[in-house]
């Protein structure tokens, strides 16, 4: 079943929000900042930003600063997760998802590799489901004869 593509929102708003988040990260001295364009991969967000902090206190402070800056510009977060622990804080700003992590947590989960796929991997592979279904549906005697 094919689902229709969602209508694209104005990229200008997303660009402004991305710049706001990146500026707040830079202000708080976040390290290893990576911006991922995930428009073609998912409908949940247009951009994903991943950054690291040097300690759990630094991770919490970075996330809190981004939330403050976003609220000041009229972008209320839909949700914030992980603020109490401070190892991995997720800030959902609708079109932009921010992940602030400790380096060891970031290395363990490697979410950049999950979302930053090469162009060749994004193209669907040819379907062989018809062949598999016909072999699975065949009776045992014809299955052994086909092999």
C-alpha atoms as a PDB file:
ATOM      1  CA  UNK A   1       0.000   0.000   0.000  1.00  0.00           C
ATOM      2  CA  UNK A   2       1.458   3.330  -1.025  1.00  0.00           C
ATOM      3  CA  UNK A   3       0.886   6.362   1.171  1.00  0.00           C
ATOM      4  CA  UNK A   4       0.779   9.797  -0.387  1.00  0.00           C
ATOM      5  CA  UNK A   5       3.741  12.052   0.296  1.00  0.00           C
ATOM      6  CA  UNK A   6       3.080  14.637   2.951  1.00  0.00           C
ATOM      7  CA  UNK A   7       2.914  18.203   1.738  1.00  0.00           C
ATOM      8  CA  UNK A   8       6.135  20.092   2.371  1.00  0.00           C
ATOM      9  CA  UNK A   9       6.054  23.012   4.761  1.00  0.00           C
ATOM     10  CA  UNK A  10       7.868  26.216   3.989  1.00  0.00           C
ATOM     11  CA  UNK A  11      11.586  25.541   4.220  1.00  0.00           C
ATOM     12  CA  UNK A  12      12.298  29.077   5.402  1.00  0.00           C
ATOM     13  CA  UNK A  13      10.745  28.420   8.824  1.00  0.00           C
ATOM     14  CA  UNK A  14      12.699  25.205   9.201  1.00  0.00           C
ATOM     15  CA  UNK A  15      15.898  26.920   8.153  1.00  0.00           C
ATOM     16  CA  UNK A  16      15.388  29.649  10.761  1.00  0.00           C
ATOM     17  CA  UNK A  17      14.704  27.057  13.464  1.00  0.00           C
ATOM     18  CA  UNK A  18      17.792  25.059  12.461  1.00  0.00           C
ATOM     19  CA  UNK A  19      19.936  28.219  12.626  1.00  0.00           C
ATOM     20  CA  UNK A  20      18.492  29.055  16.045  1.00  0.00           C
ATOM     21  CA  UNK A  21      19.318  25.599  17.426  1.00  0.00           C
ATOM     22  CA  UNK A  22      22.807  25.586  15.872  1.00  0.00           C
ATOM     23  CA  UNK A  23      23.536  29.053  17.307  1.00  0.00           C
ATOM     24  CA  UNK A  24      22.452  27.939  20.787  1.00  0.00           C
ATOM     25  CA  UNK A  25      24.639  24.827  20.507  1.00  0.00           C
ATOM     26  CA  UNK A  26      27.613  26.941  19.454  1.00  0.00           C
ATOM     27  CA  UNK A  27      26.969  29.391  22.301  1.00  0.00           C
ATOM     28  CA  UNK A  28      27.012  26.555  24.834  1.00  0.00           C
ATOM     29  CA  UNK A  29      30.185  25.010  23.355  1.00  0.00           C
ATOM     30  CA  UNK A  30      28.552  21.758  22.245  1.00  0.00           C
ATOM     31  CA  UNK A  31      31.001  19.490  20.441  1.00  0.00           C
ATOM     32  CA  UNK A  32      30.769  17.346  17.323  1.00  0.00           C
ATOM     33  CA  UNK A  33      27.575  18.963  16.006  1.00  0.00           C
ATOM     34  CA  UNK A  34      25.987  17.187  13.056  1.00  0.00           C
ATOM     35  CA  UNK A  35      22.947  18.339  11.057  1.00  0.00           C
ATOM     36  CA  UNK A  36      21.068  15.586   9.204  1.00  0.00           C
ATOM     37  CA  UNK A  37      18.405  16.259   6.571  1.00  0.00           C
ATOM     38  CA  UNK A  38      15.853  13.469   7.109  1.00  0.00           C
ATOM     39  CA  UNK A  39      13.024  14.805   4.907  1.00  0.00           C
ATOM     40  CA  UNK A  40      13.258  11.890   2.494  1.00  0.00           C
ATOM     41  CA  UNK A  41      13.597   9.272   5.238  1.00  0.00           C
ATOM     42  CA  UNK A  42      10.755  10.028   7.652  1.00  0.00           C
ATOM     43  CA  UNK A  43       7.665  12.122   8.208  1.00  0.00           C
ATOM     44  CA  UNK A  44       8.386  12.828  11.872  1.00  0.00           C
ATOM     45  CA  UNK A  45      10.850  15.670  11.229  1.00  0.00           C
ATOM     46  CA  UNK A  46      12.683  17.528   8.498  1.00  0.00           C
ATOM     47  CA  UNK A  47      16.021  17.818  10.279  1.00  0.00           C
ATOM     48  CA  UNK A  48      17.820  16.015  13.056  1.00  0.00           C
ATOM     49  CA  UNK A  49      20.674  17.647  14.932  1.00  0.00           C
ATOM     50  CA  UNK A  50      23.042  15.546  17.016  1.00  0.00           C
ATOM     51  CA  UNK A  51      25.552  17.122  19.405  1.00  0.00           C
ATOM     52  CA  UNK A  52      27.677  16.083  22.354  1.00  0.00           C
ATOM     53  CA  UNK A  53      28.349  17.590  25.751  1.00  0.00           C
ATOM     54  CA  UNK A  54      31.390  16.989  27.934  1.00  0.00           C
ATOM     55  CA  UNK A  55      29.459  15.938  31.070  1.00  0.00           C
ATOM     56  CA  UNK A  56      25.902  15.175  32.119  1.00  0.00           C
ATOM     57  CA  UNK A  57      25.606  18.705  33.536  1.00  0.00           C
ATOM     58  CA  UNK A  58      26.848  20.155  30.233  1.00  0.00           C
ATOM     59  CA  UNK A  59      24.352  18.034  28.253  1.00  0.00           C
ATOM     60  CA  UNK A  60      21.466  19.279  30.422  1.00  0.00           C
ATOM     61  CA  UNK A  61      22.645  22.898  30.160  1.00  0.00           C
ATOM     62  CA  UNK A  62      22.901  22.687  26.355  1.00  0.00           C
ATOM     63  CA  UNK A  63      19.389  21.282  26.050  1.00  0.00           C
ATOM     64  CA  UNK A  64      18.004  23.884  28.462  1.00  0.00           C
ATOM     65  CA  UNK A  65      19.592  26.734  26.490  1.00  0.00           C
ATOM     66  CA  UNK A  66      18.129  25.449  23.227  1.00  0.00           C
ATOM     67  CA  UNK A  67      14.693  25.233  24.860  1.00  0.00           C
ATOM     68  CA  UNK A  68      15.007  28.803  26.212  1.00  0.00           C
ATOM     69  CA  UNK A  69      16.071  30.196  22.826  1.00  0.00           C
ATOM     70  CA  UNK A  70      13.326  28.301  20.998  1.00  0.00           C
ATOM     71  CA  UNK A  71      10.630  29.498  23.405  1.00  0.00           C
ATOM     72  CA  UNK A  72      11.872  33.087  23.056  1.00  0.00           C
ATOM     73  CA  UNK A  73      11.357  32.810  19.283  1.00  0.00           C
ATOM     74  CA  UNK A  74       7.903  31.251  19.642  1.00  0.00           C
ATOM     75  CA  UNK A  75       8.825  27.586  19.075  1.00  0.00           C
ATOM     76  CA  UNK A  76       7.547  25.563  22.016  1.00  0.00           C
ATOM     77  CA  UNK A  77       9.011  22.061  22.241  1.00  0.00           C
ATOM     78  CA  UNK A  78       6.521  19.231  21.849  1.00  0.00           C
ATOM     79  CA  UNK A  79       8.498  17.186  24.334  1.00  0.00           C
ATOM     80  CA  UNK A  80      11.776  16.833  26.184  1.00  0.00           C
ATOM     81  CA  UNK A  81      13.122  13.463  27.294  1.00  0.00           C
ATOM     82  CA  UNK A  82      16.133  12.487  29.397  1.00  0.00           C
ATOM     83  CA  UNK A  83      16.714  15.815  31.119  1.00  0.00           C
ATOM     84  CA  UNK A  84      16.868  14.286  34.589  1.00  0.00           C
ATOM     85  CA  UNK A  85      19.619  11.773  33.758  1.00  0.00           C
ATOM     86  CA  UNK A  86      21.554  14.036  31.398  1.00  0.00           C
ATOM     87  CA  UNK A  87      23.228  11.296  29.376  1.00  0.00           C
ATOM     88  CA  UNK A  88      20.974  11.752  26.338  1.00  0.00           C
ATOM     89  CA  UNK A  89      18.470  14.591  26.079  1.00  0.00           C
ATOM     90  CA  UNK A  90      15.990  14.646  23.212  1.00  0.00           C
ATOM     91  CA  UNK A  91      14.261  17.947  22.395  1.00  0.00           C
ATOM     92  CA  UNK A  92      11.375  17.683  19.924  1.00  0.00           C
ATOM     93  CA  UNK A  93      10.836  21.023  18.175  1.00  0.00           C
ATOM     94  CA  UNK A  94       8.356  19.589  15.639  1.00  0.00           C
ATOM     95  CA  UNK A  95      10.328  19.962  12.411  1.00  0.00           C
ATOM     96  CA  UNK A  96      13.711  19.712  14.129  1.00  0.00           C
ATOM     97  CA  UNK A  97      14.751  16.961  16.536  1.00  0.00           C
ATOM     98  CA  UNK A  98      17.746  17.655  18.766  1.00  0.00           C
ATOM     99  CA  UNK A  99      19.765  14.890  20.398  1.00  0.00           C
ATOM    100  CA  UNK A 100      22.367  16.024  22.940  1.00  0.00           C
ATOM    101  CA  UNK A 101      24.446  13.137  24.262  1.00  0.00           C
ATOM    102  CA  UNK A 102      27.520  12.210  26.179  1.00  0.00           C
ATOM    103  CA  UNK A 103      30.220  10.978  23.758  1.00  0.00           C
ATOM    104  CA  UNK A 104      30.118   7.386  25.063  1.00  0.00           C
ATOM    105  CA  UNK A 105      26.321   7.232  24.683  1.00  0.00           C
ATOM    106  CA  UNK A 106      26.536   8.746  21.208  1.00  0.00           C
ATOM    107  CA  UNK A 107      29.162   6.217  20.168  1.00  0.00           C
ATOM    108  CA  UNK A 108      27.138   3.302  21.570  1.00  0.00           C
ATOM    109  CA  UNK A 109      23.835   4.182  19.863  1.00  0.00           C
ATOM    110  CA  UNK A 110      25.385   5.640  16.673  1.00  0.00           C
ATOM    111  CA  UNK A 111      22.143   7.291  15.554  1.00  0.00           C
ATOM    112  CA  UNK A 112      23.955   9.269  12.867  1.00  0.00           C
ATOM    113  CA  UNK A 113      24.654   6.030  11.030  1.00  0.00           C
ATOM    114  CA  UNK A 114      20.982   5.061  11.265  1.00  0.00           C
ATOM    115  CA  UNK A 115      19.749   8.278   9.671  1.00  0.00           C
ATOM    116  CA  UNK A 116      22.656   9.366   7.471  1.00  0.00           C
ATOM    117  CA  UNK A 117      22.469   6.714   4.757  1.00  0.00           C
ATOM    118  CA  UNK A 118      24.182   6.957   1.363  1.00  0.00           C
ATOM    119  CA  UNK A 119      22.033   7.802  -1.659  1.00  0.00           C
ATOM    120  CA  UNK A 120      22.285   4.253  -3.049  1.00  0.00           C
ATOM    121  CA  UNK A 121      20.856   2.749   0.128  1.00  0.00           C
ATOM    122  CA  UNK A 122      17.829   5.068  -0.022  1.00  0.00           C
ATOM    123  CA  UNK A 123      16.608   3.599  -3.318  1.00  0.00           C
ATOM    124  CA  UNK A 124      14.374   0.562  -2.810  1.00  0.00           C
ATOM    125  CA  UNK A 125      15.759  -2.744  -3.981  1.00  0.00           C
ATOM    126  CA  UNK A 126      13.839  -4.681  -6.649  1.00  0.00           C
ATOM    127  CA  UNK A 127      11.122  -6.800  -5.117  1.00  0.00           C
ATOM    128  CA  UNK A 128      11.510 -10.566  -5.199  1.00  0.00           C
ATOM    129  CA  UNK A 129       8.440 -11.214  -3.087  1.00  0.00           C
ATOM    130  CA  UNK A 130       6.606 -12.850  -6.007  1.00  0.00           C
ATOM    131  CA  UNK A 131       9.301 -15.526  -6.316  1.00  0.00           C
ATOM    132  CA  UNK A 132       9.379 -16.175  -2.585  1.00  0.00           C
ATOM    133  CA  UNK A 133       5.602 -16.441  -2.373  1.00  0.00           C
ATOM    134  CA  UNK A 134       5.371 -18.914  -5.224  1.00  0.00           C
ATOM    135  CA  UNK A 135       8.034 -21.165  -3.706  1.00  0.00           C
ATOM    136  CA  UNK A 136       6.454 -20.970  -0.245  1.00  0.00           C
ATOM    137  CA  UNK A 137       2.988 -21.697  -1.643  1.00  0.00           C
ATOM    138  CA  UNK A 138       4.122 -24.655  -3.735  1.00  0.00           C
ATOM    139  CA  UNK A 139       3.456 -28.149  -2.440  1.00  0.00           C
ATOM    140  CA  UNK A 140       6.355 -30.125  -0.996  1.00  0.00           C
ATOM    141  CA  UNK A 141       6.789 -32.368  -4.069  1.00  0.00           C
ATOM    142  CA  UNK A 142       7.011 -29.488  -6.535  1.00  0.00           C
ATOM    143  CA  UNK A 143       9.245 -27.513  -4.170  1.00  0.00           C
ATOM    144  CA  UNK A 144      11.839 -30.325  -4.209  1.00  0.00           C
ATOM    145  CA  UNK A 145      11.476 -30.642  -7.981  1.00  0.00           C
ATOM    146  CA  UNK A 146      12.069 -26.890  -8.414  1.00  0.00           C
ATOM    147  CA  UNK A 147      15.272 -27.051  -6.367  1.00  0.00           C
END
